[in-house]
Amino acid sequence: MADSSFDIVSKVDRQEVDNAVNQAAKEIAQRYDFKNVGASVTLAGDVITMTANSAERVKAVLDVLQSKLIKRGISLKSLDTGDGEPKASGKEYRLTGTIKEGLSQEVAKKITKLVRDEGPKAVKALITGDEVRVTSKSRDDLQAVITLLKGADDIDAALQFVNYR
């Protein structure tokens, strides 16, 4: 019998991110508490920039953006805002966030170590580029690994499980 396998990846749907940013920009333009504060949110490539005339307003813009991302099914782990504190830039405050895609080497190593230590013994995990392939003879063991990884809190990436065969 052939081995069963699946891949662990971290991908983001660009169209959904674009839609979430556009929805957040519309809400910011229409809300009364954002009038005359210069609040805006823009997307350029992988970078989302939020601006306003005070640090509290920038955090409120971030909150609106996060709620739109969640409604669109995008994990907040894929949005990296650094320390999350707005920086003063002239008369306005600015916060930039980047969209993270792909598993970094350290996250991939953390996943393989977790599978090796806590997963079923017959399961093998291999790092291939920016994804991790998990193989086993038993599909039940693969399901156990998926459950284990979904419950892991210390993994700093939005995980998807693809190519399950």
C-alpha atoms as a PDB file:
ATOM      1  CA  MET A   1       0.000   0.000   0.000  1.00  0.00           C
ATOM      2  CA  ALA A   2       1.313   3.465  -0.914  1.00  0.00           C
ATOM      3  CA  ASP A   3       1.930   6.154   1.680  1.00  0.00           C
ATOM      4  CA  SER A   4      -0.703   8.819   2.229  1.00  0.00           C
ATOM      5  CA  SER A   5       0.440  12.416   2.489  1.00  0.00           C
ATOM      6  CA  PHE A   6      -0.535  16.069   2.704  1.00  0.00           C
ATOM      7  CA  ASP A   7       1.262  19.416   2.509  1.00  0.00           C
ATOM      8  CA  ILE A   8       1.257  22.149   5.145  1.00  0.00           C
ATOM      9  CA  VAL A   9       1.374  25.587   3.512  1.00  0.00           C
ATOM     10  CA  SER A  10       0.739  29.204   4.451  1.00  0.00           C
ATOM     11  CA  LYS A  11      -1.032  30.977   1.594  1.00  0.00           C
ATOM     12  CA  VAL A  12      -3.189  34.098   1.461  1.00  0.00           C
ATOM     13  CA  ASP A  13      -5.870  34.849  -1.136  1.00  0.00           C
ATOM     14  CA  ARG A  14      -4.709  38.204  -2.562  1.00  0.00           C
ATOM     15  CA  GLN A  15      -8.166  39.080  -3.906  1.00  0.00           C
ATOM     16  CA  GLU A  16      -9.729  38.621  -0.482  1.00  0.00           C
ATOM     17  CA  VAL A  17      -7.045  40.841   1.117  1.00  0.00           C
ATOM     18  CA  ASP A  18      -7.734  43.501  -1.515  1.00  0.00           C
ATOM     19  CA  ASN A  19     -11.484  43.236  -0.888  1.00  0.00           C
ATOM     20  CA  ALA A  20     -10.993  43.505   2.890  1.00  0.00           C
ATOM     21  CA  VAL A  21      -8.810  46.628   2.518  1.00  0.00           C
ATOM     22  CA  ASN A  22     -11.358  48.220   0.165  1.00  0.00           C
ATOM     23  CA  GLN A  23     -14.221  47.455   2.579  1.00  0.00           C
ATOM     24  CA  ALA A  24     -12.232  48.899   5.488  1.00  0.00           C
ATOM     25  CA  ALA A  25     -11.464  52.054   3.457  1.00  0.00           C
ATOM     26  CA  LYS A  26     -15.182  52.483   2.665  1.00  0.00           C
ATOM     27  CA  GLU A  27     -16.187  52.064   6.297  1.00  0.00           C
ATOM     28  CA  ILE A  28     -13.510  54.524   7.446  1.00  0.00           C
ATOM     29  CA  ALA A  29     -14.697  57.078   4.878  1.00  0.00           C
ATOM     30  CA  GLN A  30     -18.304  56.770   6.070  1.00  0.00           C
ATOM     31  CA  ARG A  31     -17.950  56.506   9.851  1.00  0.00           C
ATOM     32  CA  TYR A  32     -18.594  59.644  11.883  1.00  0.00           C
ATOM     33  CA  ASP A  33     -15.747  59.055  14.356  1.00  0.00           C
ATOM     34  CA  PHE A  34     -13.233  59.054  11.467  1.00  0.00           C
ATOM     35  CA  LYS A  35     -14.373  62.400   9.997  1.00  0.00           C
ATOM     36  CA  ASN A  36     -11.633  65.067   9.737  1.00  0.00           C
ATOM     37  CA  VAL A  37      -8.894  62.897  11.260  1.00  0.00           C
ATOM     38  CA  GLY A  38      -7.167  61.982   7.991  1.00  0.00           C
ATOM     39  CA  ALA A  39      -7.795  58.280   8.525  1.00  0.00           C
ATOM     40  CA  SER A  40      -6.997  55.982   5.603  1.00  0.00           C
ATOM     41  CA  VAL A  41      -5.917  52.447   4.777  1.00  0.00           C
ATOM     42  CA  THR A  42      -4.111  51.490   1.549  1.00  0.00           C
ATOM     43  CA  LEU A  43      -2.650  48.339   0.048  1.00  0.00           C
ATOM     44  CA  ALA A  44       0.499  48.416  -2.100  1.00  0.00           C
ATOM     45  CA  GLY A  45       1.871  45.001  -2.987  1.00  0.00           C
ATOM     46  CA  ASP A  46       2.341  43.138   0.305  1.00  0.00           C
ATOM     47  CA  VAL A  47       2.246  46.275   2.478  1.00  0.00           C
ATOM     48  CA  ILE A  48      -0.884  47.699   4.118  1.00  0.00           C
ATOM     49  CA  THR A  49      -0.473  51.285   5.367  1.00  0.00           C
ATOM     50  CA  MET A  50      -2.828  52.813   7.945  1.00  0.00           C
ATOM     51  CA  THR A  51      -2.676  56.548   8.701  1.00  0.00           C
ATOM     52  CA  ALA A  52      -4.524  59.026  10.942  1.00  0.00           C
ATOM     53  CA  ASN A  53      -3.798  62.146  13.001  1.00  0.00           C
ATOM     54  CA  SER A  54      -3.467  60.291  16.350  1.00  0.00           C
ATOM     55  CA  ALA A  55      -2.123  56.959  17.529  1.00  0.00           C
ATOM     56  CA  GLU A  56      -5.537  55.944  18.930  1.00  0.00           C
ATOM     57  CA  ARG A  57      -7.198  56.570  15.564  1.00  0.00           C
ATOM     58  CA  VAL A  58      -4.593  54.419  13.779  1.00  0.00           C
ATOM     59  CA  LYS A  59      -5.324  51.594  16.210  1.00  0.00           C
ATOM     60  CA  ALA A  60      -9.043  52.025  15.496  1.00  0.00           C
ATOM     61  CA  VAL A  61      -8.298  51.793  11.740  1.00  0.00           C
ATOM     62  CA  LEU A  62      -6.317  48.596  12.426  1.00  0.00           C
ATOM     63  CA  ASP A  63      -9.292  47.210  14.361  1.00  0.00           C
ATOM     64  CA  VAL A  64     -11.638  47.914  11.430  1.00  0.00           C
ATOM     65  CA  LEU A  65      -9.178  46.265   9.018  1.00  0.00           C
ATOM     66  CA  GLN A  66      -8.799  43.188  11.240  1.00  0.00           C
ATOM     67  CA  SER A  67     -12.562  42.743  11.462  1.00  0.00           C
ATOM     68  CA  LYS A  68     -12.826  42.898   7.658  1.00  0.00           C
ATOM     69  CA  LEU A  69      -9.995  40.359   7.252  1.00  0.00           C
ATOM     70  CA  ILE A  70     -11.721  37.965   9.653  1.00  0.00           C
ATOM     71  CA  LYS A  71     -15.046  38.301   7.797  1.00  0.00           C
ATOM     72  CA  ARG A  72     -13.216  37.449   4.566  1.00  0.00           C
ATOM     73  CA  GLY A  73     -11.713  34.303   6.090  1.00  0.00           C
ATOM     74  CA  ILE A  74      -8.120  35.534   6.335  1.00  0.00           C
ATOM     75  CA  SER A  75      -6.214  34.611   9.491  1.00  0.00           C
ATOM     76  CA  LEU A  76      -4.763  37.517  11.469  1.00  0.00           C
ATOM     77  CA  LYS A  77      -1.533  35.508  11.781  1.00  0.00           C
ATOM     78  CA  SER A  78      -0.861  36.374   8.134  1.00  0.00           C
ATOM     79  CA  LEU A  79      -0.845  40.143   8.947  1.00  0.00           C
ATOM     80  CA  ASP A  80       2.446  41.258  10.532  1.00  0.00           C
ATOM     81  CA  THR A  81       2.320  44.764  12.064  1.00  0.00           C
ATOM     82  CA  GLY A  82       5.626  44.519  13.927  1.00  0.00           C
ATOM     83  CA  ASP A  83       5.106  45.752  17.489  1.00  0.00           C
ATOM     84  CA  GLY A  84       1.671  47.195  16.592  1.00  0.00           C
ATOM     85  CA  GLU A  85       2.569  50.718  17.718  1.00  0.00           C
ATOM     86  CA  PRO A  86       1.919  53.598  15.268  1.00  0.00           C
ATOM     87  CA  LYS A  87       4.925  55.781  14.423  1.00  0.00           C
ATOM     88  CA  ALA A  88       4.736  59.569  14.220  1.00  0.00           C
ATOM     89  CA  SER A  89       5.468  60.848  10.724  1.00  0.00           C
ATOM     90  CA  GLY A  90       5.185  64.612  10.517  1.00  0.00           C
ATOM     91  CA  LYS A  91       1.668  65.588  11.634  1.00  0.00           C
ATOM     92  CA  GLU A  92       0.236  62.105  11.190  1.00  0.00           C
ATOM     93  CA  TYR A  93       0.699  58.683  12.686  1.00  0.00           C
ATOM     94  CA  ARG A  94       1.402  55.702  10.475  1.00  0.00           C
ATOM     95  CA  LEU A  95       1.317  51.922  10.948  1.00  0.00           C
ATOM     96  CA  THR A  96       2.439  49.497   8.279  1.00  0.00           C
ATOM     97  CA  GLY A  97       1.621  45.824   8.133  1.00  0.00           C
ATOM     98  CA  THR A  98       2.884  43.185   5.735  1.00  0.00           C
ATOM     99  CA  ILE A  99       1.085  40.130   4.414  1.00  0.00           C
ATOM    100  CA  LYS A 100       3.087  36.991   5.233  1.00  0.00           C
ATOM    101  CA  GLU A 101       2.999  34.056   2.833  1.00  0.00           C
ATOM    102  CA  GLY A 102       4.939  30.819   2.867  1.00  0.00           C
ATOM    103  CA  LEU A 103       6.441  29.084   5.862  1.00  0.00           C
ATOM    104  CA  SER A 104       9.738  30.513   7.086  1.00  0.00           C
ATOM    105  CA  GLN A 105      12.520  28.053   7.905  1.00  0.00           C
ATOM    106  CA  GLU A 106      12.110  28.509  11.665  1.00  0.00           C
ATOM    107  CA  VAL A 107       8.321  27.917  11.526  1.00  0.00           C
ATOM    108  CA  ALA A 108       8.828  24.840   9.313  1.00  0.00           C
ATOM    109  CA  LYS A 109      11.406  23.473  11.771  1.00  0.00           C
ATOM    110  CA  LYS A 110       9.017  24.130  14.661  1.00  0.00           C
ATOM    111  CA  ILE A 111       6.253  22.210  12.828  1.00  0.00           C
ATOM    112  CA  THR A 112       8.487  19.207  12.047  1.00  0.00           C
ATOM    113  CA  LYS A 113       9.763  19.111  15.646  1.00  0.00           C
ATOM    114  CA  LEU A 114       6.180  19.206  16.963  1.00  0.00           C
ATOM    115  CA  VAL A 115       5.148  16.369  14.604  1.00  0.00           C
ATOM    116  CA  ARG A 116       8.221  14.333  15.594  1.00  0.00           C
ATOM    117  CA  ASP A 117       7.780  14.853  19.344  1.00  0.00           C
ATOM    118  CA  GLU A 118       4.004  14.753  19.834  1.00  0.00           C
ATOM    119  CA  GLY A 119       2.603  13.140  16.686  1.00  0.00           C
ATOM    120  CA  PRO A 120       2.154   9.431  15.957  1.00  0.00           C
ATOM    121  CA  LYS A 121       5.461   7.556  15.592  1.00  0.00           C
ATOM    122  CA  ALA A 122       4.879   6.343  11.998  1.00  0.00           C
ATOM    123  CA  VAL A 123       4.562   9.904  10.641  1.00  0.00           C
ATOM    124  CA  LYS A 124       7.406  11.593   8.756  1.00  0.00           C
ATOM    125  CA  ALA A 125       7.627  15.356   8.121  1.00  0.00           C
ATOM    126  CA  LEU A 126       9.895  16.813   5.415  1.00  0.00           C
ATOM    127  CA  ILE A 127      10.628  20.495   4.731  1.00  0.00           C
ATOM    128  CA  THR A 128      10.448  21.270   0.989  1.00  0.00           C
ATOM    129  CA  GLY A 129      11.001  24.947   0.222  1.00  0.00           C
ATOM    130  CA  ASP A 130       8.311  26.985   1.943  1.00  0.00           C
ATOM    131  CA  GLU A 131       6.024  24.046   2.757  1.00  0.00           C
ATOM    132  CA  VAL A 132       6.126  20.876   4.844  1.00  0.00           C
ATOM    133  CA  ARG A 133       5.124  17.454   3.486  1.00  0.00           C
ATOM    134  CA  VAL A 134       3.772  14.946   6.021  1.00  0.00           C
ATOM    135  CA  THR A 135       3.614  11.252   5.055  1.00  0.00           C
ATOM    136  CA  SER A 136       2.385   8.108   6.751  1.00  0.00           C
ATOM    137  CA  LYS A 137       0.918   4.709   5.884  1.00  0.00           C
ATOM    138  CA  SER A 138      -2.168   5.423   7.987  1.00  0.00           C
ATOM    139  CA  ARG A 139      -4.623   8.174   7.093  1.00  0.00           C
ATOM    140  CA  ASP A 140      -5.795   8.212  10.713  1.00  0.00           C
ATOM    141  CA  ASP A 141      -2.277   9.242  11.758  1.00  0.00           C
ATOM    142  CA  LEU A 142      -2.396  12.113   9.243  1.00  0.00           C
ATOM    143  CA  GLN A 143      -5.737  13.253  10.684  1.00  0.00           C
ATOM    144  CA  ALA A 144      -4.171  13.162  14.151  1.00  0.00           C
ATOM    145  CA  VAL A 145      -1.304  15.377  12.926  1.00  0.00           C
ATOM    146  CA  ILE A 146      -3.771  17.896  11.411  1.00  0.00           C
ATOM    147  CA  THR A 147      -5.673  18.015  14.719  1.00  0.00           C
ATOM    148  CA  LEU A 148      -2.407  18.433  16.635  1.00  0.00           C
ATOM    149  CA  LEU A 149      -1.275  21.352  14.431  1.00  0.00           C
ATOM    150  CA  LYS A 150      -4.669  23.084  14.538  1.00  0.00           C
ATOM    151  CA  GLY A 151      -4.473  23.045  18.346  1.00  0.00           C
ATOM    152  CA  ALA A 152      -0.880  24.333  18.503  1.00  0.00           C
ATOM    153  CA  ASP A 153      -0.733  27.932  19.758  1.00  0.00           C
ATOM    154  CA  ASP A 154       2.992  28.598  19.395  1.00  0.00           C
ATOM    155  CA  ILE A 155       3.063  28.394  15.567  1.00  0.00           C
ATOM    156  CA  ASP A 156       3.160  31.936  14.204  1.00  0.00           C
ATOM    157  CA  ALA A 157       1.682  31.281  10.754  1.00  0.00           C
ATOM    158  CA  ALA A 158      -1.716  30.712   9.173  1.00  0.00           C
ATOM    159  CA  LEU A 159      -1.639  27.023   8.221  1.00  0.00           C
ATOM    160  CA  GLN A 160      -3.558  25.308   5.434  1.00  0.00           C
ATOM    161  CA  PHE A 161      -3.497  21.590   4.704  1.00  0.00           C
ATOM    162  CA  VAL A 162      -3.514  20.786   0.975  1.00  0.00           C
ATOM    163  CA  ASN A 163      -2.884  17.857  -1.420  1.00  0.00           C
ATOM    164  CA  TYR A 164      -4.372  15.319   0.981  1.00  0.00           C
ATOM    165  CA  ARG A 165      -4.102  11.897  -0.668  1.00  0.00           C
END
